[in-house]
Amino acid sequence: MKASTVFLVIFGLVVAAIGGLFTALMWDSYQRASAMHAWPRVEAVILSSEIGERRHDEFTAKEYSVKLLYGYEWKNEARTGELIVARGNPWAKELARSEQELEKYPVGLKTMAYINPADPSFAVLKPDTKAAGYSIWFPLLFVVGGLGITFKAIRK
């Protein structure tokens, strides 16, 4: 077997493996988002809404985020939540960006919260996006392309 054939086989398998890894990660993200969209929704009321700030050390710029507290009821038990999205409320370097997000959640606003039925203390106002599932075709191109390179190299 020629060195060029071995190289193409290995290259094709690596490309396919990387594509497979990203396909699996995107599928996992899509599955998680689909599950969140199926969570029960209950009415929630914004109890407090303010801007939080942090600084990692004296050499870094301040970052800002919306700090929320909202109340909801699950199975006749009053609960509170803080998360807008599951991965935590996003931080921004620009105060104006966080102020724009804060305007969406004034105190007293009635909104809907998604409640994790397995852990009702975990609630979010926005479920994860299913976009990964709609884009999964892209890493699949690498799987198909990598396997194509491998099979074509073997056939020669």
Protein backbone atom coordinates (compact mmCIF):
# COMPACT_ATOMS: atom_id res chain seq x y z
CA MET A 1 0.00 0.00 0.00
CA LYS A 2 1.38 3.39 -0.98
CA ALA A 3 2.05 6.09 1.58
CA SER A 4 -0.39 8.44 -0.19
CA THR A 5 -3.17 5.87 0.16
CA VAL A 6 -2.46 5.43 3.88
CA PHE A 7 -2.43 9.20 4.31
CA LEU A 8 -5.79 9.59 2.53
CA VAL A 9 -7.37 6.77 4.54
CA ILE A 10 -6.20 8.28 7.84
CA PHE A 11 -7.14 11.81 6.74
CA GLY A 12 -10.62 10.69 5.66
CA LEU A 13 -11.20 8.84 8.93
CA VAL A 14 -10.07 11.85 10.98
CA VAL A 15 -12.37 14.19 9.03
CA ALA A 16 -15.27 11.75 9.47
CA ALA A 17 -14.54 11.34 13.19
CA ILE A 18 -14.46 15.09 13.79
CA GLY A 19 -17.71 15.46 11.85
CA GLY A 20 -19.20 12.62 13.89
CA LEU A 21 -18.16 14.26 17.14
CA PHE A 22 -19.78 17.58 16.21
CA THR A 23 -22.88 15.75 14.95
CA ALA A 24 -23.20 13.99 18.31
CA LEU A 25 -22.73 17.24 20.25
CA MET A 26 -25.31 19.05 18.14
CA TRP A 27 -27.77 16.16 18.46
CA ASP A 28 -27.33 16.22 22.26
CA SER A 29 -27.99 19.97 22.31
CA TYR A 30 -31.10 19.53 20.16
CA GLN A 31 -32.40 16.72 22.39
CA ARG A 32 -31.87 18.84 25.52
CA ALA A 33 -33.69 21.81 23.95
CA SER A 34 -36.56 19.59 22.78
CA ALA A 35 -36.96 18.25 26.30
CA MET A 36 -37.04 21.79 27.70
CA HIS A 37 -39.74 22.82 25.23
CA ALA A 38 -41.84 19.92 26.58
CA TRP A 39 -41.50 21.06 30.21
CA PRO A 40 -44.69 22.34 31.81
CA ARG A 41 -45.20 26.10 31.76
CA VAL A 42 -46.58 28.03 34.69
CA GLU A 43 -47.24 31.69 35.29
CA ALA A 44 -44.40 33.54 36.96
CA VAL A 45 -44.19 37.07 38.37
CA ILE A 46 -41.01 39.13 38.38
CA LEU A 47 -40.30 40.00 42.01
CA SER A 48 -37.04 41.88 41.58
CA SER A 49 -35.06 42.99 38.57
CA GLU A 50 -31.71 44.76 38.64
CA ILE A 51 -28.28 44.91 37.03
CA GLY A 52 -25.52 42.89 38.62
CA GLU A 53 -21.86 43.60 38.01
CA ARG A 54 -18.64 41.70 38.46
CA ARG A 55 -14.96 42.17 37.88
CA HIS A 56 -12.54 39.25 37.83
CA ASP A 57 -9.66 41.37 39.07
CA GLU A 58 -8.54 45.01 39.09
CA PHE A 59 -7.07 44.68 35.58
CA THR A 60 -10.26 43.59 33.81
CA ALA A 61 -13.28 45.61 32.79
CA LYS A 62 -16.57 45.29 34.64
CA GLU A 63 -19.19 42.95 33.25
CA TYR A 64 -22.93 43.38 33.67
CA SER A 65 -25.84 40.97 33.84
CA VAL A 66 -29.53 41.00 34.65
CA LYS A 67 -30.26 39.70 38.13
CA LEU A 68 -33.82 38.46 38.37
CA LEU A 69 -35.96 36.90 41.00
CA TYR A 70 -39.31 35.56 39.93
CA GLY A 71 -41.94 33.62 41.79
CA TYR A 72 -44.05 30.74 40.54
CA GLU A 73 -46.22 28.02 41.98
CA TRP A 74 -45.67 24.32 41.37
CA LYS A 75 -48.11 21.79 42.81
CA ASN A 76 -49.45 24.30 45.35
CA GLU A 77 -45.96 25.17 46.56
CA ALA A 78 -44.53 28.67 46.12
CA ARG A 79 -41.06 28.69 44.56
CA THR A 80 -38.62 31.22 43.16
CA GLY A 81 -36.25 31.19 40.21
CA GLU A 82 -33.43 33.38 38.94
CA LEU A 83 -32.52 32.04 35.49
CA ILE A 84 -33.56 33.51 32.18
CA VAL A 85 -31.81 30.69 30.28
CA ALA A 86 -30.49 27.35 31.54
CA ARG A 87 -26.80 28.24 31.25
CA GLY A 88 -27.16 31.26 33.49
CA ASN A 89 -27.98 34.86 32.72
CA PRO A 90 -25.47 36.17 30.16
CA TRP A 91 -22.81 38.71 31.07
CA ALA A 92 -21.91 41.66 28.82
CA LYS A 93 -19.11 44.20 28.87
CA GLU A 94 -21.51 46.97 27.81
CA LEU A 95 -23.88 48.25 30.48
CA ALA A 96 -26.37 49.37 27.80
CA ARG A 97 -26.76 45.81 26.58
CA SER A 98 -27.72 44.57 30.03
CA GLU A 99 -30.03 47.57 30.52
CA GLN A 100 -31.86 46.63 27.31
CA GLU A 101 -32.35 43.10 28.62
CA LEU A 102 -33.47 44.48 32.01
CA GLU A 103 -36.24 46.48 30.31
CA LYS A 104 -37.83 43.18 29.20
CA TYR A 105 -38.35 42.11 32.83
CA PRO A 106 -39.84 44.94 34.91
CA VAL A 107 -40.95 44.19 38.46
CA GLY A 108 -44.53 42.92 38.48
CA LEU A 109 -44.40 41.52 34.94
CA LYS A 110 -46.39 38.33 34.54
CA THR A 111 -44.65 35.88 32.25
CA MET A 112 -44.37 32.14 31.73
CA ALA A 113 -41.65 29.95 33.21
CA TYR A 114 -40.62 26.48 32.04
CA ILE A 115 -40.36 24.10 34.99
CA ASN A 116 -38.19 20.99 35.01
CA PRO A 117 -40.61 18.30 36.24
CA ALA A 118 -37.69 16.18 37.52
CA ASP A 119 -36.42 19.13 39.61
CA PRO A 120 -39.16 21.78 40.08
CA SER A 121 -36.68 24.15 41.73
CA PHE A 122 -35.04 24.53 38.30
CA ALA A 123 -36.99 26.98 36.15
CA VAL A 124 -36.13 29.15 33.16
CA LEU A 125 -37.95 31.91 31.34
CA LYS A 126 -36.53 30.96 27.92
CA PRO A 127 -35.87 27.36 26.88
CA ASP A 128 -32.75 26.49 24.88
CA THR A 129 -32.98 26.92 21.13
CA LYS A 130 -33.45 23.93 18.82
CA ALA A 131 -31.18 25.51 16.19
CA ALA A 132 -28.54 22.78 16.54
CA GLY A 133 -31.03 20.22 15.22
CA TYR A 134 -31.75 22.32 12.17
CA SER A 135 -28.04 22.75 11.43
CA ILE A 136 -26.94 19.17 12.04
CA TRP A 137 -26.60 18.58 8.31
CA PHE A 138 -23.39 20.62 8.24
CA PRO A 139 -21.16 18.34 10.35
CA LEU A 140 -22.80 15.36 8.60
CA LEU A 141 -21.21 16.68 5.39
CA PHE A 142 -17.81 16.10 7.01
CA VAL A 143 -18.79 12.56 7.97
CA VAL A 144 -19.90 11.78 4.42
CA GLY A 145 -16.92 13.58 2.87
CA GLY A 146 -14.41 11.90 5.16
CA LEU A 147 -15.84 8.46 4.51
CA GLY A 148 -15.88 9.25 0.79
CA ILE A 149 -12.18 10.12 0.85
CA THR A 150 -11.43 6.92 2.77
CA PHE A 151 -13.41 4.60 0.49
CA LYS A 152 -12.09 6.21 -2.68
CA ALA A 153 -8.48 5.83 -1.41
CA ILE A 154 -9.07 2.15 -0.55
CA ARG A 155 -10.68 1.38 -3.92
CA LYS A 156 -7.70 2.68 -5.93
